[in-house]
Amino acid sequence: MGGHAIDALTADLALRPATGEETFVAFGQEGAEHPEPGEIVFVEGDRVLVRRWIWRQAHHTLTMPETSAIEFNVDGLPPARRADVETACKDLAVLTDEFCGGSARVHVLTRGDPRMVL
């Protein structure tokens, strides 16, 4: 699971194989690096938010007390079942509503339903 401040996004989000031209500035670092071509990346345009699923997260979508919109992604890879992912997402939505004072909605992306509008 990961979370990203999306209040100031300037491009679409996508989970896709990297071309190798994208830039990534890891949380806590200053220098940019580039993912390997074919590496799975979560991007905003050509800015990498997360490399290697959720192992390395970028600094520019860090959530802060002043953040007003957050995207949470819950990755469900085998052997996780879709029902388990949906339950985790629903639990996260309830906790977000309860503890953050906001509202949440759940949309599970799949190969057959790969897009959503934020």
Protein backbone atom coordinates (compact mmCIF):
# COMPACT_ATOMS: atom_id res chain seq x y z
CA MET A 1 0.00 0.00 0.00
CA GLY A 2 1.15 3.52 -0.72
CA GLY A 3 -0.28 7.00 -0.55
CA HIS A 4 0.33 10.12 -2.60
CA ALA A 5 -0.66 13.75 -2.24
CA ILE A 6 -2.49 14.52 -5.45
CA ASP A 7 -3.55 18.11 -4.82
CA ALA A 8 -0.95 19.47 -7.23
CA LEU A 9 -0.75 16.81 -9.93
CA THR A 10 0.00 18.16 -13.39
CA ALA A 11 -0.28 14.95 -15.43
CA ASP A 12 -2.16 11.66 -15.47
CA LEU A 13 -1.18 8.79 -13.18
CA ALA A 14 -0.29 5.41 -14.66
CA LEU A 15 1.18 2.07 -13.64
CA ARG A 16 3.30 0.91 -16.56
CA PRO A 17 6.65 -0.41 -17.73
CA ALA A 18 9.32 2.29 -17.71
CA THR A 19 10.95 3.53 -20.90
CA GLY A 20 14.08 4.44 -18.92
CA GLU A 21 13.64 8.15 -19.72
CA GLU A 22 11.49 8.91 -16.66
CA THR A 23 12.98 10.76 -13.68
CA PHE A 24 12.79 9.65 -10.07
CA VAL A 25 13.90 11.53 -6.97
CA ALA A 26 13.62 9.17 -4.01
CA PHE A 27 12.30 10.29 -0.66
CA GLY A 28 15.22 11.69 1.33
CA GLN A 29 17.49 12.17 -1.70
CA GLU A 30 18.22 15.10 -4.00
CA GLY A 31 19.66 13.55 -7.14
CA ALA A 32 17.46 12.20 -9.91
CA GLU A 33 17.81 8.68 -11.23
CA HIS A 34 16.17 6.80 -14.07
CA PRO A 35 14.42 3.43 -13.85
CA GLU A 36 15.56 0.52 -15.95
CA PRO A 37 13.59 0.09 -19.19
CA GLY A 38 10.77 -2.38 -18.54
CA GLU A 39 10.77 -1.83 -14.77
CA ILE A 40 7.22 -1.41 -13.42
CA VAL A 41 6.72 2.20 -12.29
CA PHE A 42 3.82 4.28 -10.99
CA VAL A 43 4.13 7.65 -12.71
CA GLU A 44 2.70 11.13 -13.02
CA GLY A 45 3.48 11.78 -16.66
CA ASP A 46 7.22 11.02 -16.80
CA ARG A 47 7.86 11.64 -13.09
CA VAL A 48 8.13 8.38 -11.19
CA LEU A 49 6.14 8.27 -7.94
CA VAL A 50 7.05 4.71 -7.02
CA ARG A 51 9.62 2.24 -8.27
CA ARG A 52 9.53 -1.51 -7.86
CA TRP A 53 5.86 -1.56 -6.84
CA ILE A 54 5.92 0.20 -3.46
CA TRP A 55 9.53 -0.31 -2.44
CA ARG A 56 10.85 3.18 -3.30
CA GLN A 57 8.65 6.25 -3.12
CA ALA A 58 9.32 9.73 -4.52
CA HIS A 59 9.51 12.90 -2.49
CA HIS A 60 7.24 15.14 -4.58
CA THR A 61 3.96 13.43 -3.60
CA LEU A 62 4.77 13.15 0.09
CA THR A 63 1.66 13.63 2.24
CA MET A 64 1.85 16.50 4.69
CA PRO A 65 -0.58 18.04 7.23
CA GLU A 66 -1.66 20.57 4.58
CA THR A 67 -2.40 17.88 1.97
CA SER A 68 -6.05 18.07 0.93
CA ALA A 69 -6.30 15.13 -1.51
CA ILE A 70 -4.63 11.74 -1.25
CA GLU A 71 -4.60 8.74 -3.55
CA PHE A 72 -4.04 5.44 -1.77
CA ASN A 73 -3.04 2.50 -3.88
CA VAL A 74 -3.40 -1.02 -2.54
CA ASP A 75 -1.55 -3.48 -4.74
CA GLY A 76 -2.95 -6.98 -4.90
CA LEU A 77 -0.45 -9.41 -6.36
CA PRO A 78 -0.75 -13.21 -6.25
CA PRO A 79 -1.44 -14.97 -3.99
CA ALA A 80 -3.73 -12.14 -2.76
CA ARG A 81 -7.34 -12.60 -3.77
CA ARG A 82 -9.44 -9.78 -5.22
CA ALA A 83 -11.86 -10.06 -2.28
CA ASP A 84 -8.97 -9.43 0.13
CA VAL A 85 -7.89 -6.34 -1.82
CA GLU A 86 -11.45 -5.01 -1.89
CA THR A 87 -11.81 -5.55 1.86
CA ALA A 88 -8.53 -3.73 2.53
CA CYS A 89 -9.67 -0.82 0.34
CA LYS A 90 -13.05 -0.59 2.06
CA ASP A 91 -11.38 -0.68 5.50
CA LEU A 92 -9.01 2.10 4.39
CA ALA A 93 -11.95 4.20 3.17
CA VAL A 94 -13.74 3.83 6.52
CA LEU A 95 -10.57 4.75 8.45
CA THR A 96 -9.94 7.73 6.17
CA ASP A 97 -13.45 9.01 6.76
CA GLU A 98 -13.20 8.44 10.52
CA PHE A 99 -9.71 9.79 11.24
CA CYS A 100 -9.02 12.29 8.47
CA GLY A 101 -12.37 14.02 8.26
CA GLY A 102 -12.62 13.49 4.53
CA SER A 103 -14.53 11.29 2.24
CA ALA A 104 -13.23 8.34 0.28
CA ARG A 105 -14.31 6.17 -2.59
CA VAL A 106 -13.04 2.79 -3.69
CA HIS A 107 -12.33 1.79 -7.27
CA VAL A 108 -10.50 -1.45 -8.02
CA LEU A 109 -8.50 -1.32 -11.23
CA THR A 110 -8.09 -4.53 -13.19
CA ARG A 111 -6.88 -5.58 -16.60
CA GLY A 112 -10.50 -5.32 -17.80
CA ASP A 113 -11.12 -2.01 -15.97
CA PRO A 114 -7.74 -0.22 -16.03
CA ARG A 115 -8.82 3.43 -15.61
CA MET A 116 -10.56 5.74 -13.21
CA VAL A 117 -11.11 9.48 -12.97
CA LEU A 118 -9.83 11.19 -9.82
